[in-house]
Amino acid sequence: MVTGDGHRKRLREKFLAFGLDKFTDDEIVELLFTLGTPRRDCKQMAREAIRRFGGLARTLEAQPEELEKIPGVGPNNVIGVRLIQAIARKYLRERMLRGEFINSFNDVLDYFAHTLRGEKTEAIHLLFLNAQNVIVGEERLASGSSASVALTPRMALEKAVAHGAVNVVMAHNHPGGAPDPSEQDIRLTRRLYVALRHADIWLREHLIIAPDHYYSFMREGMIEKFEQEFQKLSGKLWR
């Protein structure tokens, strides 16, 4: 089906005048699809995408093969969606880097939510901060199955030293479930905290990103608990 140029023009003029504020989710996807489909009516394609994936965010995070199951959606439409993902991720990363962590917490959370929520397997990212808590680097260090990921304290320590970091923030995802930490998550975080503290480096936060929420070790008091355990252990060693 060929759509009228007037409808596309109205969508584009609406975007230029108001941004996305006055757009519904299906109109956003429709506008995006029109960039890869010059003459085809994209309205039904967009509505089906929103219905099938359950919203805008999950449509933009959908895998190419899943998007192409929607009638009318082809490789050019997929490229547009993937490009938007990549641009957003790069923009959020650059906005986050060189910012002071405490004041940029929402930027950090936005970046990891966008980067990790679409992942099908678990992955770990580390942020490296200097003595003023300014973010000086970020690396993806490990990835694993949909239920587990491997990271050694030594690996994290070596990277922190290489970046000249005084403070570290860790983030990883739970692709298919709640953000609450597993026993394995807690053990890993404790081991990492102790290893870094022995090198006078502080693990300031561990964020777990789930599809619809997140868990903060710092805000839930877990980082403070690890520090208390470290101090208690250090006191026993020096007796």
Protein backbone atom coordinates (compact mmCIF):
# COMPACT_ATOMS: atom_id res chain seq x y z
CA MET A 1 0.00 0.00 0.00
CA VAL A 2 1.27 3.49 -0.88
CA THR A 3 0.67 6.16 1.72
CA GLY A 4 -0.07 9.81 0.94
CA ASP A 5 2.81 12.21 1.16
CA GLY A 6 0.56 14.49 3.23
CA HIS A 7 0.48 12.09 6.18
CA ARG A 8 4.26 11.73 6.26
CA LYS A 9 4.65 15.48 5.93
CA ARG A 10 2.31 16.06 8.88
CA LEU A 11 4.28 13.59 11.02
CA ARG A 12 7.57 15.28 10.19
CA GLU A 13 6.21 18.79 10.75
CA LYS A 14 4.74 17.68 14.07
CA PHE A 15 8.14 16.31 15.12
CA LEU A 16 9.97 19.47 14.07
CA ALA A 17 7.46 21.62 15.97
CA PHE A 18 7.08 19.61 19.17
CA GLY A 19 9.75 16.91 19.24
CA LEU A 20 8.29 13.64 20.50
CA ASP A 21 6.15 15.21 23.23
CA LYS A 22 2.91 15.00 21.25
CA PHE A 23 3.64 11.61 19.65
CA THR A 24 2.14 8.30 20.68
CA ASP A 25 4.52 5.33 20.80
CA ASP A 26 3.15 3.88 17.55
CA GLU A 27 3.59 7.27 15.83
CA ILE A 28 7.25 7.35 16.92
CA VAL A 29 7.85 3.91 15.44
CA GLU A 30 5.86 4.85 12.33
CA LEU A 31 8.03 7.93 11.78
CA LEU A 32 11.14 5.82 12.26
CA PHE A 33 9.91 3.18 9.81
CA THR A 34 9.15 5.82 7.16
CA LEU A 35 12.85 6.65 6.98
CA GLY A 36 13.55 3.14 5.64
CA THR A 37 10.36 2.74 3.59
CA PRO A 38 9.95 5.72 1.24
CA ARG A 39 6.47 4.96 -0.15
CA ARG A 40 4.82 2.25 1.96
CA ASP A 41 2.17 2.94 4.60
CA CYS A 42 3.99 2.27 7.88
CA LYS A 43 1.11 2.86 10.29
CA GLN A 44 0.01 -0.77 10.60
CA MET A 45 3.61 -1.96 10.78
CA ALA A 46 4.24 0.38 13.69
CA ARG A 47 1.05 -0.58 15.53
CA GLU A 48 1.86 -4.26 15.14
CA ALA A 49 5.40 -3.70 16.45
CA ILE A 50 4.11 -1.91 19.57
CA ARG A 51 1.48 -4.63 20.12
CA ARG A 52 3.89 -7.51 19.60
CA PHE A 53 6.77 -6.21 21.73
CA GLY A 54 4.72 -4.45 24.38
CA GLY A 55 5.87 -0.86 24.05
CA LEU A 56 8.33 1.57 22.53
CA ALA A 57 11.42 0.61 24.52
CA ARG A 58 11.08 -3.09 23.80
CA THR A 59 10.38 -2.40 20.13
CA LEU A 60 13.62 -0.44 19.87
CA GLU A 61 15.46 -3.22 21.73
CA ALA A 62 14.01 -6.04 19.58
CA GLN A 63 16.36 -8.30 17.68
CA PRO A 64 16.47 -7.84 13.86
CA GLU A 65 15.04 -11.29 13.17
CA GLU A 66 12.09 -10.55 15.44
CA LEU A 67 11.42 -7.17 13.82
CA GLU A 68 11.44 -8.74 10.35
CA LYS A 69 8.65 -11.11 11.35
CA ILE A 70 6.29 -8.14 11.20
CA PRO A 71 4.69 -7.95 7.74
CA GLY A 72 6.24 -5.12 5.75
CA VAL A 73 9.29 -4.63 7.96
CA GLY A 74 12.50 -5.16 6.01
CA PRO A 75 16.26 -4.70 6.39
CA ASN A 76 16.11 -0.92 5.82
CA ASN A 77 13.63 -0.52 8.70
CA VAL A 78 15.83 -2.67 10.93
CA ILE A 79 18.88 -0.56 10.11
CA GLY A 80 16.98 2.53 11.21
CA VAL A 81 16.04 0.96 14.55
CA ARG A 82 19.58 -0.31 15.15
CA LEU A 83 21.02 3.09 14.24
CA ILE A 84 18.78 4.82 16.77
CA GLN A 85 19.94 2.34 19.43
CA ALA A 86 23.61 2.92 18.63
CA ILE A 87 23.27 6.72 18.54
CA ALA A 88 21.42 6.79 21.87
CA ARG A 89 24.00 4.52 23.50
CA LYS A 90 26.91 6.62 22.23
CA TYR A 91 25.23 9.86 23.28
CA LEU A 92 24.47 8.59 26.78
CA ARG A 93 28.00 7.24 27.20
CA GLU A 94 29.62 10.52 26.15
CA ARG A 95 27.28 12.52 28.40
CA MET A 96 28.16 10.24 31.31
CA LEU A 97 31.94 10.19 30.86
CA ARG A 98 33.88 12.99 32.53
CA GLY A 99 30.90 13.69 34.76
CA GLU A 100 31.11 13.50 38.56
CA PHE A 101 29.49 10.22 39.57
CA ILE A 102 27.25 11.37 42.42
CA ASN A 103 25.87 14.29 40.39
CA SER A 104 25.63 12.12 37.25
CA PHE A 105 23.95 9.12 38.87
CA ASN A 106 20.86 9.46 36.68
CA ASP A 107 23.04 9.67 33.55
CA VAL A 108 24.87 6.52 34.65
CA LEU A 109 21.59 4.75 35.28
CA ASP A 110 20.18 5.88 31.91
CA TYR A 111 23.27 4.63 30.11
CA PHE A 112 23.27 1.20 31.71
CA ALA A 113 19.51 0.83 31.42
CA HIS A 114 19.74 1.53 27.69
CA THR A 115 22.87 -0.56 27.17
CA LEU A 116 21.98 -3.61 29.25
CA ARG A 117 18.20 -3.97 29.19
CA GLY A 118 18.18 -5.21 25.59
CA GLU A 119 20.86 -7.84 26.20
CA LYS A 120 19.81 -11.49 25.98
CA THR A 121 22.77 -12.72 28.06
CA GLU A 122 24.36 -11.37 31.22
CA ALA A 123 27.18 -8.86 30.84
CA ILE A 124 29.32 -6.83 33.25
CA HIS A 125 30.48 -3.26 32.76
CA LEU A 126 32.84 -1.31 35.01
CA LEU A 127 33.09 2.45 35.41
CA PHE A 128 36.41 3.87 36.56
CA LEU A 129 36.50 7.05 38.66
CA ASN A 130 39.38 9.25 39.82
CA ALA A 131 39.87 10.68 43.32
CA GLN A 132 37.32 13.44 42.61
CA ASN A 133 34.74 10.80 41.57
CA VAL A 134 34.93 11.97 37.95
CA ILE A 135 34.23 9.09 35.53
CA VAL A 136 37.40 8.54 33.49
CA GLY A 137 36.55 5.32 31.65
CA GLU A 138 34.12 2.47 31.05
CA GLU A 139 34.68 -1.09 29.86
CA ARG A 140 32.61 -4.16 29.16
CA LEU A 141 34.67 -6.90 30.79
CA ALA A 142 32.67 -10.09 30.76
CA SER A 143 29.64 -11.77 29.27
CA GLY A 144 28.09 -15.14 29.86
CA SER A 145 24.95 -17.21 29.59
CA SER A 146 21.45 -15.91 30.17
CA ALA A 147 21.81 -16.86 33.85
CA SER A 148 25.46 -16.27 34.77
CA VAL A 149 28.57 -14.25 34.00
CA ALA A 150 32.19 -14.63 35.09
CA LEU A 151 34.40 -11.83 36.41
CA THR A 152 37.46 -12.30 38.61
CA PRO A 153 38.56 -9.72 41.19
CA ARG A 154 42.04 -9.83 39.64
CA MET A 155 40.66 -8.86 36.23
CA ALA A 156 38.77 -5.93 37.70
CA LEU A 157 41.77 -4.84 39.78
CA GLU A 158 44.12 -4.88 36.79
CA LYS A 159 41.72 -2.74 34.79
CA ALA A 160 41.21 -0.30 37.66
CA VAL A 161 44.97 0.15 38.06
CA ALA A 162 45.41 0.61 34.30
CA HIS A 163 42.83 3.43 34.36
CA GLY A 164 44.39 5.01 37.43
CA ALA A 165 41.04 4.59 39.19
CA VAL A 166 40.48 5.29 42.86
CA ASN A 167 36.82 4.30 42.74
CA VAL A 168 34.91 1.72 40.67
CA VAL A 169 31.26 1.23 39.79
CA MET A 170 30.01 -2.12 38.49
CA ALA A 171 26.83 -2.79 36.52
CA HIS A 172 25.38 -5.97 35.13
CA ASN A 173 22.02 -7.19 33.89
CA HIS A 174 19.42 -9.81 34.72
CA PRO A 175 17.90 -10.38 31.26
CA GLY A 176 14.95 -12.51 32.26
CA GLY A 177 14.01 -11.63 35.80
CA ALA A 178 13.87 -9.42 38.84
CA PRO A 179 16.78 -7.12 39.73
CA ASP A 180 17.30 -8.60 43.19
CA PRO A 181 20.84 -9.97 43.61
CA SER A 182 21.42 -13.69 43.70
CA GLU A 183 23.74 -15.28 46.26
CA GLN A 184 26.33 -15.49 43.48
CA ASP A 185 25.95 -11.74 42.80
CA ILE A 186 26.47 -10.96 46.50
CA ARG A 187 29.53 -13.24 46.79
CA LEU A 188 31.12 -11.77 43.68
CA THR A 189 30.50 -8.21 44.85
CA ARG A 190 31.93 -8.95 48.30
CA ARG A 191 35.07 -10.57 46.80
CA LEU A 192 35.51 -7.69 44.40
CA TYR A 193 35.04 -5.14 47.18
CA VAL A 194 37.68 -6.78 49.39
CA ALA A 195 40.19 -7.22 46.56
CA LEU A 196 39.91 -3.57 45.54
CA ARG A 197 40.04 -2.27 49.13
CA HIS A 198 43.33 -4.08 49.72
CA ALA A 199 44.68 -2.00 46.84
CA ASP A 200 43.19 1.24 48.27
CA ILE A 201 40.49 1.27 45.56
CA TRP A 202 36.84 1.54 46.51
CA LEU A 203 33.92 -0.25 44.91
CA ARG A 204 31.28 2.47 45.26
CA GLU A 205 28.30 0.83 43.59
CA HIS A 206 26.98 -2.29 41.90
CA LEU A 207 23.87 -1.80 39.76
CA ILE A 208 21.77 -4.73 38.59
CA ILE A 209 19.62 -3.82 35.59
CA ALA A 210 16.47 -5.84 34.92
CA PRO A 211 13.91 -5.29 32.14
CA ASP A 212 11.65 -3.10 34.28
CA HIS A 213 13.66 -2.03 37.33
CA TYR A 214 17.12 -1.90 38.91
CA TYR A 215 18.85 -2.77 42.19
CA SER A 216 21.50 -0.55 43.82
CA PHE A 217 23.95 -2.18 46.25
CA MET A 218 24.82 1.29 47.53
CA ARG A 219 21.25 2.44 48.19
CA GLU A 220 20.29 -0.88 49.75
CA GLY A 221 23.16 -0.61 52.26
CA MET A 222 25.17 -3.54 50.90
CA ILE A 223 28.32 -1.52 50.16
CA GLU A 224 28.31 -0.16 53.72
CA LYS A 225 27.89 -3.72 55.00
CA PHE A 226 30.91 -4.91 52.99
CA GLU A 227 33.00 -2.05 54.40
CA GLN A 228 32.03 -3.03 57.94
CA GLU A 229 33.01 -6.63 57.21
CA PHE A 230 36.31 -5.45 55.74
CA GLN A 231 37.10 -3.31 58.77
CA LYS A 232 36.27 -6.18 61.11
CA LEU A 233 38.47 -8.58 59.14
CA SER A 234 41.32 -6.04 59.01
CA GLY A 235 41.12 -5.53 62.77
CA LYS A 236 41.48 -9.26 63.39
CA LEU A 237 44.46 -9.48 61.04
CA TRP A 238 46.33 -6.72 62.91
CA ARG A 239 45.79 -8.13 66.40
